[in-house]
PDB file of N, CA and C in Angstrom:
ATOM      1  N   MET A   1       0.883  -1.218   0.045  1.00  0.00           N
ATOM      2  CA  MET A   1      -0.021   0.009   0.112  1.00  0.00           C
ATOM      3  C   MET A   1       0.754   1.170   0.015  1.00  0.00           C
ATOM      4  N   ARG A   2       0.781   2.087  -1.170  1.00  0.00           N
ATOM      5  CA  ARG A   2       1.481   3.587  -1.476  1.00  0.00           C
ATOM      6  C   ARG A   2       0.739   4.696  -0.800  1.00  0.00           C
ATOM      7  N   VAL A   3       1.271   5.325   0.289  1.00  0.00           N
ATOM      8  CA  VAL A   3       0.537   6.117   0.960  1.00  0.00           C
ATOM      9  C   VAL A   3       1.202   7.541   0.423  1.00  0.00           C
ATOM     10  N   LYS A   4       0.192   8.748  -0.094  1.00  0.00           N
ATOM     11  CA  LYS A   4       0.419   9.825  -0.492  1.00  0.00           C
ATOM     12  C   LYS A   4       1.311  10.742   0.527  1.00  0.00           C
ATOM     13  N   SER A   5       2.191  11.392   0.347  1.00  0.00           N
ATOM     14  CA  SER A   5       2.981  12.204   1.427  1.00  0.00           C
ATOM     15  C   SER A   5       2.068  13.103   2.306  1.00  0.00           C
ATOM     16  N   ASN A   6       1.108  13.343   1.676  1.00  0.00           N
ATOM     17  CA  ASN A   6       0.218  14.427   2.139  1.00  0.00           C
ATOM     18  C   ASN A   6      -0.979  13.907   2.804  1.00  0.00           C
ATOM     19  N   ASP A   7      -1.272  12.716   2.768  1.00  0.00           N
ATOM     20  CA  ASP A   7      -2.237  12.088   3.590  1.00  0.00           C
ATOM     21  C   ASP A   7      -2.459  12.135   4.913  1.00  0.00           C
ATOM     22  N   GLY A   8      -2.778  13.210   5.367  1.00  0.00           N
ATOM     23  CA  GLY A   8      -3.038  13.754   7.044  1.00  0.00           C
ATOM     24  C   GLY A   8      -3.935  12.816   7.919  1.00  0.00           C
ATOM     25  N   PHE A   9      -4.798  12.001   7.326  1.00  0.00           N
ATOM     26  CA  PHE A   9      -5.767  11.147   7.617  1.00  0.00           C
ATOM     27  C   PHE A   9      -5.164  10.069   8.487  1.00  0.00           C
ATOM     28  N   VAL A  10      -4.211   9.357   7.599  1.00  0.00           N
ATOM     29  CA  VAL A  10      -3.807   8.059   7.469  1.00  0.00           C
ATOM     30  C   VAL A  10      -2.679   8.456   8.822  1.00  0.00           C
ATOM     31  N   LEU A  11      -1.867   9.936   8.799  1.00  0.00           N
ATOM     32  CA  LEU A  11      -0.766   9.758  10.004  1.00  0.00           C
ATOM     33  C   LEU A  11      -1.686   9.881  11.052  1.00  0.00           C
ATOM     34  N   LEU A  12      -2.560  11.065  11.313  1.00  0.00           N
ATOM     35  CA  LEU A  12      -3.459  11.031  12.585  1.00  0.00           C
ATOM     36  C   LEU A  12      -4.054   9.662  12.897  1.00  0.00           C
ATOM     37  N   LEU A  13      -4.167   8.637  11.847  1.00  0.00           N
ATOM     38  CA  LEU A  13      -4.743   7.426  12.811  1.00  0.00           C
ATOM     39  C   LEU A  13      -3.998   6.664  13.079  1.00  0.00           C
ATOM     40  N   LEU A  14      -2.581   6.507  12.790  1.00  0.00           N
ATOM     41  CA  LEU A  14      -1.569   5.646  12.955  1.00  0.00           C
ATOM     42  C   LEU A  14      -1.202   6.613  14.012  1.00  0.00           C
ATOM     43  N   LEU A  15      -0.905   7.738  14.185  1.00  0.00           N
ATOM     44  CA  LEU A  15      -0.310   8.348  15.516  1.00  0.00           C
ATOM     45  C   LEU A  15      -1.268   8.220  17.055  1.00  0.00           C
ATOM     46  N   LEU A  16      -2.778   8.062  16.536  1.00  0.00           N
ATOM     47  CA  LEU A  16      -3.521   7.862  17.471  1.00  0.00           C
ATOM     48  C   LEU A  16      -3.428   6.149  18.059  1.00  0.00           C
ATOM     49  N   VAL A  17      -3.357   5.595  16.878  1.00  0.00           N
ATOM     50  CA  VAL A  17      -3.176   3.566  17.361  1.00  0.00           C
ATOM     51  C   VAL A  17      -1.708   3.595  17.892  1.00  0.00           C
ATOM     52  N   GLY A  18      -1.005   4.203  17.611  1.00  0.00           N
ATOM     53  CA  GLY A  18       0.455   4.223  18.377  1.00  0.00           C
ATOM     54  C   GLY A  18       0.608   4.340  19.585  1.00  0.00           C
ATOM     55  N   ALA A  19      -0.480   5.789  19.882  1.00  0.00           N
ATOM     56  CA  ALA A  19      -0.447   6.150  21.326  1.00  0.00           C
ATOM     57  C   ALA A  19      -1.256   4.889  22.214  1.00  0.00           C
ATOM     58  N   ILE A  20      -2.224   4.579  21.563  1.00  0.00           N
ATOM     59  CA  ILE A  20      -3.037   3.709  22.259  1.00  0.00           C
ATOM     60  C   ILE A  20      -2.495   2.234  22.485  1.00  0.00           C
ATOM     61  N   ILE A  21      -1.754   1.791  22.053  1.00  0.00           N
ATOM     62  CA  ILE A  21      -1.244   0.682  21.897  1.00  0.00           C
ATOM     63  C   ILE A  21       0.220   0.697  23.004  1.00  0.00           C
ATOM     64  N   GLY A  22       0.803   1.591  22.704  1.00  0.00           N
ATOM     65  CA  GLY A  22       2.007   1.987  23.752  1.00  0.00           C
ATOM     66  C   GLY A  22       1.387   2.257  25.116  1.00  0.00           C
ATOM     67  N   SER A  23       0.442   3.178  25.238  1.00  0.00           N
ATOM     68  CA  SER A  23      -0.215   3.071  26.608  1.00  0.00           C
ATOM     69  C   SER A  23      -0.645   1.635  27.157  1.00  0.00           C
ATOM     70  N   ILE A  24      -1.196   1.059  26.264  1.00  0.00           N
ATOM     71  CA  ILE A  24      -1.588  -0.286  26.838  1.00  0.00           C
ATOM     72  C   ILE A  24      -0.304  -1.252  27.055  1.00  0.00           C
ATOM     73  N   ILE A  25       0.609  -1.046  26.344  1.00  0.00           N
ATOM     74  CA  ILE A  25       1.929  -1.885  26.511  1.00  0.00           C
ATOM     75  C   ILE A  25       2.445  -1.305  27.809  1.00  0.00           C
ATOM     76  N   GLY A  26       2.671  -0.229  28.167  1.00  0.00           N
ATOM     77  CA  GLY A  26       3.295   0.566  29.087  1.00  0.00           C
ATOM     78  C   GLY A  26       2.463   0.140  30.359  1.00  0.00           C
ATOM     79  N   ALA A  27       1.293  -0.238  30.303  1.00  0.00           N
ATOM     80  CA  ALA A  27       0.368  -0.476  31.474  1.00  0.00           C
ATOM     81  C   ALA A  27       0.580  -1.753  31.853  1.00  0.00           C
ATOM     82  N   ALA A  28       0.622  -2.591  30.598  1.00  0.00           N
ATOM     83  CA  ALA A  28       0.877  -4.333  31.215  1.00  0.00           C
ATOM     84  C   ALA A  28       2.645  -4.135  31.753  1.00  0.00           C
ATOM     85  N   LEU A  29       3.579  -3.371  31.239  1.00  0.00           N
ATOM     86  CA  LEU A  29       4.825  -3.698  31.836  1.00  0.00           C
ATOM     87  C   LEU A  29       5.034  -2.480  32.904  1.00  0.00           C
ATOM     88  N   GLY A  30       4.295  -2.016  33.341  1.00  0.00           N
ATOM     89  CA  GLY A  30       4.513  -0.929  34.219  1.00  0.00           C
ATOM     90  C   GLY A  30       5.191  -1.135  35.333  1.00  0.00           C
ATOM     91  N   ASP A  31       5.127  -2.669  35.938  1.00  0.00           N
ATOM     92  CA  ASP A  31       5.567  -3.154  37.303  1.00  0.00           C
ATOM     93  C   ASP A  31       6.834  -3.690  36.922  1.00  0.00           C
ATOM     94  N   LEU A  32       7.343  -4.042  35.916  1.00  0.00           N
ATOM     95  CA  LEU A  32       8.726  -4.316  35.498  1.00  0.00           C
ATOM     96  C   LEU A  32       9.871  -3.225  35.202  1.00  0.00           C
ATOM     97  N   VAL A  33       9.060  -2.350  34.312  1.00  0.00           N
ATOM     98  CA  VAL A  33       9.802  -0.780  34.185  1.00  0.00           C
ATOM     99  C   VAL A  33       8.825   0.172  34.312  1.00  0.00           C
ATOM    100  N   PRO A  34       8.946   0.749  35.665  1.00  0.00           N
ATOM    101  CA  PRO A  34       8.161   1.695  35.983  1.00  0.00           C
ATOM    102  C   PRO A  34       8.469   2.968  35.416  1.00  0.00           C
ATOM    103  N   ILE A  35       9.594   3.412  34.506  1.00  0.00           N
ATOM    104  CA  ILE A  35       9.668   4.732  33.808  1.00  0.00           C
ATOM    105  C   ILE A  35       8.489   4.952  32.912  1.00  0.00           C
ATOM    106  N   LEU A  36       8.022   3.479  32.189  1.00  0.00           N
ATOM    107  CA  LEU A  36       7.021   3.425  31.174  1.00  0.00           C
ATOM    108  C   LEU A  36       5.656   4.197  31.598  1.00  0.00           C
ATOM    109  N   ASN A  37       5.637   4.120  33.032  1.00  0.00           N
ATOM    110  CA  ASN A  37       4.528   4.695  33.213  1.00  0.00           C
ATOM    111  C   ASN A  37       4.204   5.895  33.658  1.00  0.00           C
ATOM    112  N   TYR A  38       5.705   6.639  33.424  1.00  0.00           N
ATOM    113  CA  TYR A  38       5.534   7.943  33.813  1.00  0.00           C
ATOM    114  C   TYR A  38       5.006   9.090  32.921  1.00  0.00           C
ATOM    115  N   GLY A  39       4.221  10.271  33.257  1.00  0.00           N
ATOM    116  CA  GLY A  39       3.432  10.798  32.304  1.00  0.00           C
ATOM    117  C   GLY A  39       2.917  11.769  32.772  1.00  0.00           C
ATOM    118  N   LYS A  40       2.306  12.788  32.053  1.00  0.00           N
ATOM    119  CA  LYS A  40       1.490  14.051  32.707  1.00  0.00           C
ATOM    120  C   LYS A  40       0.318  14.225  31.865  1.00  0.00           C
ATOM    121  N   SER A  41      -1.008  14.627  32.518  1.00  0.00           N
ATOM    122  CA  SER A  41      -2.138  15.113  32.114  1.00  0.00           C
ATOM    123  C   SER A  41      -2.368  16.684  31.712  1.00  0.00           C
ATOM    124  N   VAL A  42      -3.025  16.933  30.840  1.00  0.00           N
ATOM    125  CA  VAL A  42      -3.207  18.325  30.226  1.00  0.00           C
ATOM    126  C   VAL A  42      -4.510  18.145  29.869  1.00  0.00           C
ATOM    127  N   GLY A  43      -5.450  19.296  30.228  1.00  0.00           N
ATOM    128  CA  GLY A  43      -6.434  19.649  29.600  1.00  0.00           C
ATOM    129  C   GLY A  43      -7.533  20.457  30.694  1.00  0.00           C
ATOM    130  N   VAL A  44      -8.732  20.175  30.370  1.00  0.00           N
ATOM    131  CA  VAL A  44      -9.744  21.117  30.816  1.00  0.00           C
ATOM    132  C   VAL A  44     -10.635  20.049  31.598  1.00  0.00           C
ATOM    133  N   ASP A  45     -10.828  19.997  33.062  1.00  0.00           N
ATOM    134  CA  ASP A  45     -11.810  19.415  34.010  1.00  0.00           C
ATOM    135  C   ASP A  45     -13.259  19.644  32.999  1.00  0.00           C
ATOM    136  N   PRO A  46     -13.888  18.706  33.279  1.00  0.00           N
ATOM    137  CA  PRO A  46     -15.594  18.493  32.755  1.00  0.00           C
ATOM    138  C   PRO A  46     -16.203  19.792  33.311  1.00  0.00           C
ATOM    139  N   PHE A  47     -16.862  20.734  32.796  1.00  0.00           N
ATOM    140  CA  PHE A  47     -17.831  21.230  33.505  1.00  0.00           C
ATOM    141  C   PHE A  47     -19.359  21.532  32.582  1.00  0.00           C
ATOM    142  N   LEU A  48     -20.057  21.901  33.219  1.00  0.00           N
ATOM    143  CA  LEU A  48     -21.532  21.876  32.791  1.00  0.00           C
ATOM    144  C   LEU A  48     -21.854  23.195  32.329  1.00  0.00           C
ATOM    145  N   LEU A  49     -22.458  23.522  31.319  1.00  0.00           N
ATOM    146  CA  LEU A  49     -23.099  24.682  30.950  1.00  0.00           C
ATOM    147  C   LEU A  49     -24.852  24.049  30.949  1.00  0.00           C
ATOM    148  N   ASP A  50     -25.491  24.759  31.718  1.00  0.00           N
ATOM    149  CA  ASP A  50     -26.959  24.719  31.965  1.00  0.00           C
ATOM    150  C   ASP A  50     -27.842  25.911  31.163  1.00  0.00           C
ATOM    151  N   LEU A  51     -28.291  25.487  30.097  1.00  0.00           N
ATOM    152  CA  LEU A  51     -29.297  26.608  29.267  1.00  0.00           C
ATOM    153  C   LEU A  51     -30.520  26.515  29.808  1.00  0.00           C
ATOM    154  N   SER A  52     -31.251  25.930  30.509  1.00  0.00           N
ATOM    155  CA  SER A  52     -32.341  25.509  31.007  1.00  0.00           C
ATOM    156  C   SER A  52     -33.168  24.460  30.139  1.00  0.00           C
ATOM    157  N   VAL A  53     -33.045  24.814  28.712  1.00  0.00           N
ATOM    158  CA  VAL A  53     -33.538  23.707  27.748  1.00  0.00           C
ATOM    159  C   VAL A  53     -32.650  22.398  27.479  1.00  0.00           C
ATOM    160  N   VAL A  54     -31.474  23.032  27.439  1.00  0.00           N
ATOM    161  CA  VAL A  54     -30.327  22.150  27.416  1.00  0.00           C
ATOM    162  C   VAL A  54     -28.868  21.905  28.054  1.00  0.00           C
ATOM    163  N   ASN A  55     -28.823  20.834  28.663  1.00  0.00           N
ATOM    164  CA  ASN A  55     -27.295  20.675  29.104  1.00  0.00           C
ATOM    165  C   ASN A  55     -26.506  20.236  28.454  1.00  0.00           C
ATOM    166  N   ILE A  56     -24.934  20.952  28.700  1.00  0.00           N
ATOM    167  CA  ILE A  56     -23.803  20.530  27.827  1.00  0.00           C
ATOM    168  C   ILE A  56     -22.830  20.319  28.550  1.00  0.00           C
ATOM    169  N   THR A  57     -21.982  19.568  28.313  1.00  0.00           N
ATOM    170  CA  THR A  57     -20.846  18.936  29.151  1.00  0.00           C
ATOM    171  C   THR A  57     -19.649  19.240  28.558  1.00  0.00           C
ATOM    172  N   PHE A  58     -18.506  19.748  28.854  1.00  0.00           N
ATOM    173  CA  PHE A  58     -17.457  20.263  28.074  1.00  0.00           C
ATOM    174  C   PHE A  58     -16.317  19.766  28.849  1.00  0.00           C
ATOM    175  N   GLY A  59     -15.413  19.470  28.021  1.00  0.00           N
ATOM    176  CA  GLY A  59     -14.214  18.685  29.032  1.00  0.00           C
ATOM    177  C   GLY A  59     -13.357  18.112  27.896  1.00  0.00           C
ATOM    178  N   PHE A  60     -11.848  18.082  28.371  1.00  0.00           N
ATOM    179  CA  PHE A  60     -11.061  17.411  27.241  1.00  0.00           C
ATOM    180  C   PHE A  60      -9.588  16.965  28.223  1.00  0.00           C
ATOM    181  N   LYS A  61      -9.279  16.166  28.184  1.00  0.00           N
ATOM    182  CA  LYS A  61      -8.171  15.634  28.839  1.00  0.00           C
ATOM    183  C   LYS A  61      -7.120  14.606  28.144  1.00  0.00           C
ATOM    184  N   LEU A  62      -5.923  14.943  28.213  1.00  0.00           N
ATOM    185  CA  LEU A  62      -5.152  14.080  27.336  1.00  0.00           C
ATOM    186  C   LEU A  62      -4.034  13.455  28.129  1.00  0.00           C
ATOM    187  N   THR A  63      -3.681  12.209  28.274  1.00  0.00           N
ATOM    188  CA  THR A  63      -2.881  11.586  29.431  1.00  0.00           C
ATOM    189  C   THR A  63      -1.874  11.007  28.411  1.00  0.00           C
ATOM    190  N   LEU A  64      -0.963  11.277  28.581  1.00  0.00           N
ATOM    191  CA  LEU A  64       0.578  10.680  27.737  1.00  0.00           C
ATOM    192  C   LEU A  64       1.615  10.117  28.478  1.00  0.00           C
ATOM    193  N   ASN A  65       2.085   8.977  28.558  1.00  0.00           N
ATOM    194  CA  ASN A  65       3.151   8.699  29.345  1.00  0.00           C
ATOM    195  C   ASN A  65       4.312   8.133  28.493  1.00  0.00           C
ATOM    196  N   VAL A  66       5.324   7.776  29.015  1.00  0.00           N
ATOM    197  CA  VAL A  66       6.626   7.557  28.180  1.00  0.00           C
ATOM    198  C   VAL A  66       6.497   6.328  27.056  1.00  0.00           C
ATOM    199  N   SER A  67       5.550   5.388  27.668  1.00  0.00           N
ATOM    200  CA  SER A  67       5.441   4.366  26.371  1.00  0.00           C
ATOM    201  C   SER A  67       4.402   4.787  25.325  1.00  0.00           C
ATOM    202  N   GLY A  68       3.520   5.798  25.822  1.00  0.00           N
ATOM    203  CA  GLY A  68       2.596   6.327  24.759  1.00  0.00           C
ATOM    204  C   GLY A  68       3.553   7.192  23.541  1.00  0.00           C
ATOM    205  N   ILE A  69       4.532   7.455  24.063  1.00  0.00           N
ATOM    206  CA  ILE A  69       5.129   8.890  23.310  1.00  0.00           C
ATOM    207  C   ILE A  69       6.224   7.610  22.521  1.00  0.00           C
ATOM    208  N   ILE A  70       6.881   6.811  22.783  1.00  0.00           N
ATOM    209  CA  ILE A  70       7.319   5.595  21.950  1.00  0.00           C
ATOM    210  C   ILE A  70       6.804   4.897  21.140  1.00  0.00           C
ATOM    211  N   GLY A  71       5.463   4.497  21.148  1.00  0.00           N
ATOM    212  CA  GLY A  71       4.291   4.369  20.261  1.00  0.00           C
ATOM    213  C   GLY A  71       3.996   5.280  19.404  1.00  0.00           C
ATOM    214  N   ILE A  72       4.252   6.590  19.679  1.00  0.00           N
ATOM    215  CA  ILE A  72       3.787   7.778  18.458  1.00  0.00           C
ATOM    216  C   ILE A  72       4.883   7.570  17.693  1.00  0.00           C
ATOM    217  N   VAL A  73       6.032   7.490  18.332  1.00  0.00           N
ATOM    218  CA  VAL A  73       7.365   7.872  17.438  1.00  0.00           C
ATOM    219  C   VAL A  73       7.580   6.455  16.443  1.00  0.00           C
ATOM    220  N   LEU A  74       7.284   5.136  17.093  1.00  0.00           N
ATOM    221  CA  LEU A  74       7.592   4.108  16.049  1.00  0.00           C
ATOM    222  C   LEU A  74       6.016   4.356  15.017  1.00  0.00           C
ATOM    223  N   ALA A  75       4.856   4.652  15.233  1.00  0.00           N
ATOM    224  CA  ALA A  75       4.008   4.819  14.289  1.00  0.00           C
ATOM    225  C   ALA A  75       4.335   6.060  13.107  1.00  0.00           C
ATOM    226  N   PHE A  76       5.133   7.035  13.875  1.00  0.00           N
ATOM    227  CA  PHE A  76       5.489   8.093  12.726  1.00  0.00           C
ATOM    228  C   PHE A  76       6.504   7.314  11.758  1.00  0.00           C
ATOM    229  N   VAL A  77       7.216   6.716  12.246  1.00  0.00           N
ATOM    230  CA  VAL A  77       8.500   5.897  11.519  1.00  0.00           C
ATOM    231  C   VAL A  77       7.770   4.924  10.646  1.00  0.00           C
ATOM    232  N   LEU A  78       6.672   4.231  11.163  1.00  0.00           N
ATOM    233  CA  LEU A  78       6.035   3.222  10.142  1.00  0.00           C
ATOM    234  C   LEU A  78       5.245   4.231   8.853  1.00  0.00           C
ATOM    235  N   TYR A  79       4.760   5.043   9.441  1.00  0.00           N
ATOM    236  CA  TYR A  79       4.132   6.042   8.202  1.00  0.00           C
ATOM    237  C   TYR A  79       4.919   6.606   7.523  1.00  0.00           C
ATOM    238  N   ARG A  80       6.420   6.904   7.976  1.00  0.00           N
ATOM    239  CA  ARG A  80       7.469   7.304   6.710  1.00  0.00           C
ATOM    240  C   ARG A  80       7.944   5.802   5.933  1.00  0.00           C
ATOM    241  N   LYS A  81       7.674   5.017   6.310  1.00  0.00           N
ATOM    242  CA  LYS A  81       7.923   3.820   5.622  1.00  0.00           C
ATOM    243  C   LYS A  81       7.150   3.369   4.419  1.00  0.00           C
ATOM    244  N   LEU A  82       5.771   4.008   4.470  1.00  0.00           N
ATOM    245  CA  LEU A  82       4.710   3.172   3.908  1.00  0.00           C
ATOM    246  C   LEU A  82       5.174   4.406   2.409  1.00  0.00           C
TER     247      LEU A  82
END
C-alpha cells in the first residue's frame, strides 16, 4: 500500500493507534519497568453549561506517558516507511 506524503488522515490514525497501543503496553509492563508509566495529564476538567433547555458538558483531557510517546514515534516511523 503506497500512501501519499500529504495524506494527513492516515498519519493521524497511525499516531492515535500508536499512542493507544503504547499506553496499553506501558500499563502491562509498568511493574517491570516503572519509567514507562511516567506521564502527565493536560486538559480542561469537565464543566456543565446549563441553558435551562439543554445541558451541555464540556471537557478534554490528554494523558501521555513514556510508552505512549514511544508508540507515537514508532507509528511515525512506520508512516514514513509506507
